[in-house]
């Protein structure tokens, strides 16, 4: 058994009194107009944690394809066309992830990652709509949570440009994922609500490293009993 029955162990890297409640990424982005190539783009803009980078994403007035724009200390570094962008995040090293929502009537979505020079690191699609995503402040790890029917958590190693692990649970059904670090290690915290403490956390290999009492109570009785039996 990982933890006591009723008391939660300290959550690595996460202090809910300091870090909670979470905010939806869209509410953290401010709106801004960007002039580029004789067109005006209505964008959402998110800064990096250290406030030296800004990722903007939006659509032009009238008709036309969406674009993403990366700024460093106020100067435009690169821009790229996008399809249905819904979330954009930038790390302190200029690494960017863009979540594209896919078609309005389809079960699909795409995660695209770029380095600070605009070189594509990763492009991956999902056979489900995406409920949430996050990017580590150092640009090493990205996390994506998908809706049913897939309903998984994907963790990406952006240094290698590939999926590091996937995780699924049959009873928790979280909708939100956030990344926190402790001693240079990153953990993905999963929650059903932005307002409440997360249910559990997994490491980059997809292994559960922390869980709270609510998550333990969601488990089937047989699983709870088995976890309390001494290992052989």
Protein backbone atom coordinates (compact mmCIF):
# COMPACT_ATOMS: atom_id res chain seq x y z
CA UNK A 1 0.00 0.00 0.00
CA UNK A 2 1.36 3.39 -0.95
CA UNK A 3 -0.29 5.54 1.72
CA UNK A 4 -2.33 5.39 4.87
CA UNK A 5 -6.05 4.74 4.67
CA UNK A 6 -7.37 8.15 5.63
CA UNK A 7 -4.48 10.57 5.51
CA UNK A 8 -2.98 11.82 2.26
CA UNK A 9 0.77 11.75 1.84
CA UNK A 10 2.48 15.02 0.81
CA UNK A 11 1.99 15.66 -2.91
CA UNK A 12 5.40 15.96 -4.62
CA UNK A 13 5.84 19.43 -6.09
CA UNK A 14 2.25 20.50 -5.36
CA UNK A 15 1.08 22.71 -2.49
CA UNK A 16 -2.67 23.14 -2.95
CA UNK A 17 -2.81 26.09 -0.56
CA UNK A 18 -0.32 27.85 -2.83
CA UNK A 19 -1.16 26.37 -6.25
CA UNK A 20 -4.93 25.87 -6.08
CA UNK A 21 -7.50 26.27 -7.32
CA UNK A 22 -6.44 25.70 -10.90
CA UNK A 23 -7.56 27.97 -13.72
CA UNK A 24 -8.66 26.96 -17.17
CA UNK A 25 -5.96 27.78 -19.71
CA UNK A 26 -8.37 29.88 -21.74
CA UNK A 27 -9.09 32.16 -18.78
CA UNK A 28 -5.35 32.73 -18.27
CA UNK A 29 -4.93 34.02 -21.82
CA UNK A 30 -5.56 37.65 -22.60
CA UNK A 31 -7.01 38.83 -25.89
CA UNK A 32 -4.92 40.87 -28.29
CA UNK A 33 -4.93 41.89 -31.96
CA UNK A 34 -1.83 41.20 -34.04
CA UNK A 35 -1.08 42.78 -37.40
CA UNK A 36 0.75 40.49 -39.79
CA UNK A 37 1.00 40.35 -43.60
CA UNK A 38 -1.58 43.13 -43.95
CA UNK A 39 -4.13 41.21 -41.90
CA UNK A 40 -5.47 41.63 -38.37
CA UNK A 41 -5.56 38.50 -36.21
CA UNK A 42 -7.78 38.25 -33.13
CA UNK A 43 -5.62 36.23 -30.75
CA UNK A 44 -5.36 34.74 -27.31
CA UNK A 45 -1.94 35.35 -25.76
CA UNK A 46 -0.17 33.37 -23.02
CA UNK A 47 3.18 34.31 -21.47
CA UNK A 48 5.81 31.89 -20.24
CA UNK A 49 6.25 31.43 -16.50
CA UNK A 50 9.23 33.81 -16.51
CA UNK A 51 7.32 36.28 -18.73
CA UNK A 52 10.04 36.46 -21.42
CA UNK A 53 8.09 34.58 -24.11
CA UNK A 54 4.56 34.98 -25.44
CA UNK A 55 2.59 32.56 -27.62
CA UNK A 56 -0.34 34.05 -29.52
CA UNK A 57 -2.86 32.11 -31.58
CA UNK A 58 -5.96 33.22 -33.40
CA UNK A 59 -7.85 33.84 -36.62
CA UNK A 60 -7.85 36.78 -39.02
CA UNK A 61 -10.79 39.09 -39.31
CA UNK A 62 -13.02 38.17 -42.20
CA UNK A 63 -11.95 34.79 -43.52
CA UNK A 64 -8.70 32.84 -43.48
CA UNK A 65 -6.60 30.25 -41.72
CA UNK A 66 -5.56 30.62 -38.10
CA UNK A 67 -1.95 31.29 -37.15
CA UNK A 68 0.36 31.03 -34.17
CA UNK A 69 2.94 33.70 -33.28
CA UNK A 70 5.87 33.36 -30.88
CA UNK A 71 7.38 36.51 -29.35
CA UNK A 72 10.56 36.80 -27.28
CA UNK A 73 11.08 39.99 -25.30
CA UNK A 74 8.57 41.68 -27.59
CA UNK A 75 10.12 40.59 -30.90
CA UNK A 76 8.39 38.14 -33.25
CA UNK A 77 10.48 34.96 -33.54
CA UNK A 78 8.26 32.94 -35.87
CA UNK A 79 4.73 32.34 -37.08
CA UNK A 80 2.99 29.28 -38.51
CA UNK A 81 -0.47 28.39 -39.86
CA UNK A 82 -2.74 26.40 -37.54
CA UNK A 83 -6.04 24.52 -37.73
CA UNK A 84 -8.66 25.27 -35.06
CA UNK A 85 -6.22 26.21 -32.24
CA UNK A 86 -7.84 26.03 -28.81
CA UNK A 87 -4.85 26.22 -26.44
CA UNK A 88 -1.30 27.51 -26.73
CA UNK A 89 1.41 27.27 -24.06
CA UNK A 90 5.06 28.35 -24.01
CA UNK A 91 7.86 27.26 -21.66
CA UNK A 92 10.69 29.34 -20.23
CA UNK A 93 13.05 28.04 -22.95
CA UNK A 94 10.68 29.03 -25.77
CA UNK A 95 9.27 25.54 -26.39
CA UNK A 96 5.66 25.80 -27.58
CA UNK A 97 2.73 23.39 -27.61
CA UNK A 98 -0.44 24.11 -29.56
CA UNK A 99 -3.60 22.08 -29.11
CA UNK A 100 -5.79 22.02 -32.23
CA UNK A 101 -9.40 21.08 -31.66
CA UNK A 102 -10.09 19.28 -34.91
CA UNK A 103 -13.37 19.50 -36.81
CA UNK A 104 -16.49 20.67 -35.04
CA UNK A 105 -18.41 17.41 -35.54
CA UNK A 106 -15.50 14.95 -35.23
CA UNK A 107 -13.79 13.05 -32.45
CA UNK A 108 -10.27 14.26 -33.06
CA UNK A 109 -7.58 16.65 -31.97
CA UNK A 110 -3.92 17.36 -32.62
CA UNK A 111 -0.99 18.33 -30.43
CA UNK A 112 1.83 20.23 -32.13
CA UNK A 113 5.11 21.16 -30.48
CA UNK A 114 7.83 23.55 -31.68
CA UNK A 115 11.19 24.67 -30.38
CA UNK A 116 12.08 28.34 -29.89
CA UNK A 117 13.23 28.63 -33.52
CA UNK A 118 9.90 27.33 -34.86
CA UNK A 119 11.18 23.87 -35.80
CA UNK A 120 8.50 21.21 -35.39
CA UNK A 121 9.33 18.81 -32.55
CA UNK A 122 6.19 16.73 -32.49
CA UNK A 123 2.83 16.35 -34.22
CA UNK A 124 0.39 13.75 -32.94
CA UNK A 125 -3.34 13.22 -33.43
CA UNK A 126 -5.95 11.68 -31.14
CA UNK A 127 -9.06 9.65 -31.94
CA UNK A 128 -11.01 11.65 -29.37
CA UNK A 129 -11.57 15.24 -28.31
CA UNK A 130 -9.02 16.60 -25.88
CA UNK A 131 -10.21 17.88 -22.50
CA UNK A 132 -6.98 19.48 -21.27
CA UNK A 133 -3.22 19.78 -21.75
CA UNK A 134 -0.20 21.25 -19.99
CA UNK A 135 3.48 22.03 -20.59
CA UNK A 136 6.29 21.92 -18.06
CA UNK A 137 7.97 25.26 -17.42
CA UNK A 138 11.32 23.90 -18.64
CA UNK A 139 9.81 22.63 -21.92
CA UNK A 140 10.72 18.98 -21.28
CA UNK A 141 7.29 17.39 -20.75
CA UNK A 142 3.84 17.89 -22.27
CA UNK A 143 0.68 16.23 -20.96
CA UNK A 144 -2.65 15.69 -22.71
CA UNK A 145 -5.92 14.34 -21.34
CA UNK A 146 -8.49 12.97 -23.82
CA UNK A 147 -12.25 12.57 -23.51
CA UNK A 148 -14.18 9.32 -24.10
CA UNK A 149 -13.98 7.04 -25.95
CA UNK A 150 -10.19 7.20 -25.57
CA UNK A 151 -10.06 8.69 -22.04
CA UNK A 152 -6.30 8.54 -21.47
CA UNK A 153 -3.48 10.70 -20.21
CA UNK A 154 -0.56 11.06 -22.64
CA UNK A 155 2.86 12.20 -21.49
CA UNK A 156 5.32 13.40 -24.12
CA UNK A 157 9.09 13.76 -23.90
CA UNK A 158 9.64 16.87 -26.01
CA UNK A 159 13.41 16.49 -25.96
CA UNK A 160 13.03 13.19 -27.84
CA UNK A 161 9.87 14.26 -29.68
CA UNK A 162 7.87 11.16 -28.79
CA UNK A 163 5.27 9.73 -26.44
CA UNK A 164 6.88 8.83 -23.12
CA UNK A 165 3.88 6.98 -21.66
CA UNK A 166 0.10 6.69 -21.52
CA UNK A 167 -2.11 6.17 -18.50
CA UNK A 168 -5.75 5.14 -18.09
CA UNK A 169 -7.99 4.50 -15.11
CA UNK A 170 -11.30 2.66 -15.06
CA UNK A 171 -12.86 4.55 -12.18
CA UNK A 172 -11.54 8.11 -11.75
CA UNK A 173 -12.44 9.78 -15.11
CA UNK A 174 -10.38 12.96 -14.60
CA UNK A 175 -10.79 15.88 -17.00
CA UNK A 176 -7.84 18.11 -16.10
CA UNK A 177 -4.07 17.64 -16.01
CA UNK A 178 -1.36 19.90 -14.60
CA UNK A 179 2.40 19.39 -14.34
CA UNK A 180 4.41 20.11 -11.18
CA UNK A 181 8.05 19.43 -10.38
CA UNK A 182 9.95 18.28 -7.31
CA UNK A 183 13.74 17.82 -7.24
CA UNK A 184 13.85 18.21 -11.07
CA UNK A 185 11.29 15.38 -11.53
CA UNK A 186 7.93 16.13 -13.16
CA UNK A 187 4.54 14.77 -12.10
CA UNK A 188 1.19 14.95 -13.89
CA UNK A 189 -1.68 15.63 -11.50
CA UNK A 190 -5.17 14.54 -12.60
CA UNK A 191 -8.43 16.03 -11.36
CA UNK A 192 -12.15 16.04 -12.08
CA UNK A 193 -12.47 19.71 -11.14
CA UNK A 194 -10.40 22.88 -11.36
CA UNK A 195 -11.69 23.85 -7.93
CA UNK A 196 -10.80 20.70 -6.00
CA UNK A 197 -7.56 18.98 -5.13
CA UNK A 198 -6.35 16.50 -7.75
CA UNK A 199 -7.21 12.84 -7.34
CA UNK A 200 -3.80 11.37 -8.09
CA UNK A 201 -0.48 11.92 -9.85
CA UNK A 202 1.61 9.90 -12.28
CA UNK A 203 5.29 10.18 -13.13
CA UNK A 204 6.56 10.52 -16.74
CA UNK A 205 6.49 6.72 -17.05
CA UNK A 206 2.75 6.68 -16.31
CA UNK A 207 3.10 5.12 -12.85
CA UNK A 208 0.91 6.39 -10.01
CA UNK A 209 3.14 8.06 -7.42
CA UNK A 210 0.52 9.84 -5.29
CA UNK A 211 -3.19 9.47 -4.63
CA UNK A 212 -5.65 11.08 -2.25
CA UNK A 213 -8.32 9.48 -0.10
CA UNK A 214 -11.09 10.34 -2.58
CA UNK A 215 -9.31 8.44 -5.34
CA UNK A 216 -8.79 5.44 -3.09
CA UNK A 217 -12.51 5.36 -2.28
CA UNK A 218 -13.35 5.33 -5.99
CA UNK A 219 -11.52 2.05 -6.48
CA UNK A 220 -13.54 -1.19 -6.58
CA UNK A 221 -13.69 -2.96 -3.24
CA UNK A 222 -11.68 -5.90 -4.55
CA UNK A 223 -8.87 -3.57 -5.60
CA UNK A 224 -8.83 -1.80 -2.23
CA UNK A 225 -8.67 -5.10 -0.36
CA UNK A 226 -5.89 -6.42 -2.59
CA UNK A 227 -3.82 -3.26 -2.00
CA UNK A 228 -3.92 -3.88 1.77
CA UNK A 229 -2.75 -7.47 1.59
CA UNK A 230 0.96 -8.07 2.20
CA UNK A 231 2.93 -8.63 -0.97
CA UNK A 232 4.43 -12.07 -1.51
